[in-house]
C-alpha atoms as a PDB file:
ATOM      1  CA  UNK A   1      -5.353   6.706  16.121  1.00  0.00           C
ATOM      2  CA  UNK A   2      -7.530   4.793  13.670  1.00  0.00           C
ATOM      3  CA  UNK A   3      -8.457   1.214  14.374  1.00  0.00           C
ATOM      4  CA  UNK A   4      -7.265  -1.467  11.961  1.00  0.00           C
ATOM      5  CA  UNK A   5     -10.848  -2.124  10.908  1.00  0.00           C
ATOM      6  CA  UNK A   6     -11.102   1.527   9.796  1.00  0.00           C
ATOM      7  CA  UNK A   7      -8.252   1.151   7.309  1.00  0.00           C
ATOM      8  CA  UNK A   8      -8.529  -0.448   3.935  1.00  0.00           C
ATOM      9  CA  UNK A   9      -6.358  -3.480   3.500  1.00  0.00           C
ATOM     10  CA  UNK A  10      -3.455  -3.537   1.087  1.00  0.00           C
ATOM     11  CA  UNK A  11      -5.271  -6.167  -0.944  1.00  0.00           C
ATOM     12  CA  UNK A  12      -8.473  -4.131  -1.226  1.00  0.00           C
ATOM     13  CA  UNK A  13      -6.505  -1.037  -2.233  1.00  0.00           C
ATOM     14  CA  UNK A  14      -4.586  -3.003  -4.861  1.00  0.00           C
ATOM     15  CA  UNK A  15      -7.804  -4.536  -6.189  1.00  0.00           C
ATOM     16  CA  UNK A  16      -9.402  -1.083  -6.519  1.00  0.00           C
ATOM     17  CA  UNK A  17      -6.278   0.201  -8.279  1.00  0.00           C
ATOM     18  CA  UNK A  18      -6.504  -2.668 -10.759  1.00  0.00           C
ATOM     19  CA  UNK A  19     -10.183  -1.851 -11.355  1.00  0.00           C
ATOM     20  CA  UNK A  20      -9.309   1.777 -12.074  1.00  0.00           C
ATOM     21  CA  UNK A  21      -6.580   0.777 -14.522  1.00  0.00           C
ATOM     22  CA  UNK A  22      -9.054  -1.483 -16.312  1.00  0.00           C
ATOM     23  CA  UNK A  23     -11.654   1.265 -16.551  1.00  0.00           C
ATOM     24  CA  UNK A  24      -9.129   3.791 -17.844  1.00  0.00           C
ATOM     25  CA  UNK A  25      -7.702   1.279 -20.336  1.00  0.00           C
ATOM     26  CA  UNK A  26     -11.147   0.924 -21.910  1.00  0.00           C
ATOM     27  CA  UNK A  27     -11.072   4.612 -22.784  1.00  0.00           C
ATOM     28  CA  UNK A  28     -14.856   5.042 -22.668  1.00  0.00           C
ATOM     29  CA  UNK A  29     -14.878   7.409 -19.694  1.00  0.00           C
ATOM     30  CA  UNK A  30     -15.695  11.128 -19.839  1.00  0.00           C
ATOM     31  CA  UNK A  31     -12.745  13.441 -19.188  1.00  0.00           C
ATOM     32  CA  UNK A  32     -13.935  14.631 -15.762  1.00  0.00           C
ATOM     33  CA  UNK A  33     -14.458  11.054 -14.555  1.00  0.00           C
ATOM     34  CA  UNK A  34     -11.077  10.061 -16.017  1.00  0.00           C
ATOM     35  CA  UNK A  35      -9.408  12.750 -13.924  1.00  0.00           C
ATOM     36  CA  UNK A  36     -11.239  11.597 -10.778  1.00  0.00           C
ATOM     37  CA  UNK A  37     -10.223   7.994 -11.369  1.00  0.00           C
ATOM     38  CA  UNK A  38      -6.643   8.973 -12.125  1.00  0.00           C
ATOM     39  CA  UNK A  39      -6.393  10.978  -8.886  1.00  0.00           C
ATOM     40  CA  UNK A  40      -7.848   8.083  -6.893  1.00  0.00           C
ATOM     41  CA  UNK A  41      -5.406   5.722  -8.582  1.00  0.00           C
ATOM     42  CA  UNK A  42      -2.426   7.908  -7.714  1.00  0.00           C
ATOM     43  CA  UNK A  43      -3.491   8.000  -4.054  1.00  0.00           C
ATOM     44  CA  UNK A  44      -3.969   4.233  -3.991  1.00  0.00           C
ATOM     45  CA  UNK A  45      -0.614   3.614  -5.678  1.00  0.00           C
ATOM     46  CA  UNK A  46       1.084   5.818  -3.095  1.00  0.00           C
ATOM     47  CA  UNK A  47      -0.647   4.033  -0.195  1.00  0.00           C
ATOM     48  CA  UNK A  48       0.315   0.630  -1.598  1.00  0.00           C
ATOM     49  CA  UNK A  49       3.928   1.704  -2.119  1.00  0.00           C
ATOM     50  CA  UNK A  50       4.115   3.003   1.458  1.00  0.00           C
ATOM     51  CA  UNK A  51       2.729  -0.267   2.824  1.00  0.00           C
ATOM     52  CA  UNK A  52       5.218  -2.291   0.774  1.00  0.00           C
ATOM     53  CA  UNK A  53       8.024  -0.088   2.068  1.00  0.00           C
ATOM     54  CA  UNK A  54       6.912  -0.700   5.667  1.00  0.00           C
ATOM     55  CA  UNK A  55       6.816  -4.443   5.094  1.00  0.00           C
ATOM     56  CA  UNK A  56      10.228  -4.375   3.425  1.00  0.00           C
ATOM     57  CA  UNK A  57      11.730  -2.564   6.427  1.00  0.00           C
ATOM     58  CA  UNK A  58      10.274  -5.136   8.805  1.00  0.00           C
ATOM     59  CA  UNK A  59      11.586  -8.007   6.706  1.00  0.00           C
ATOM     60  CA  UNK A  60      15.035  -6.451   6.695  1.00  0.00           C
ATOM     61  CA  UNK A  61      14.949  -6.417  10.476  1.00  0.00           C
ATOM     62  CA  UNK A  62      13.952 -10.064  10.745  1.00  0.00           C
ATOM     63  CA  UNK A  63      16.774 -11.901  12.458  1.00  0.00           C
ATOM     64  CA  UNK A  64      17.425 -15.214  14.118  1.00  0.00           C
ATOM     65  CA  UNK A  65      18.018 -14.912  17.836  1.00  0.00           C
ATOM     66  CA  UNK A  66      20.399 -16.949  19.990  1.00  0.00           C
ATOM     67  CA  UNK A  67      17.466 -19.204  20.911  1.00  0.00           C
ATOM     68  CA  UNK A  68      17.004 -20.122  17.256  1.00  0.00           C
ATOM     69  CA  UNK A  69      13.739 -18.227  16.990  1.00  0.00           C
ATOM     70  CA  UNK A  70      13.150 -15.400  14.582  1.00  0.00           C
ATOM     71  CA  UNK A  71      12.481 -11.976  16.016  1.00  0.00           C
ATOM     72  CA  UNK A  72      11.508  -8.686  14.442  1.00  0.00           C
ATOM     73  CA  UNK A  73      13.248  -5.578  15.646  1.00  0.00           C
ATOM     74  CA  UNK A  74      11.277  -2.424  14.981  1.00  0.00           C
ATOM     75  CA  UNK A  75      13.289   0.303  13.270  1.00  0.00           C
ATOM     76  CA  UNK A  76      12.649   3.990  13.561  1.00  0.00           C
ATOM     77  CA  UNK A  77      11.728   5.887  10.425  1.00  0.00           C
ATOM     78  CA  UNK A  78      14.481   8.377   9.639  1.00  0.00           C
ATOM     79  CA  UNK A  79      12.165  10.325   7.314  1.00  0.00           C
ATOM     80  CA  UNK A  80      10.059  11.705  10.156  1.00  0.00           C
END
């Protein structure tokens, strides 16, 4: 299992995705490099979407307990 420090953060992935979009929007990139950037962008977009989905699931499970404190109940992923 990878350590948290080994993973890129959501924010860094999103920032890189925004950089790629900016580069591709300029249109001054050779075709081969455009393809490389596009592929990287697709992978980053997928990773960001997966992270947002995980966070959404956790937020849906956030509930107020009898003691008045909020608790998070982990849910199992049905897709696996």
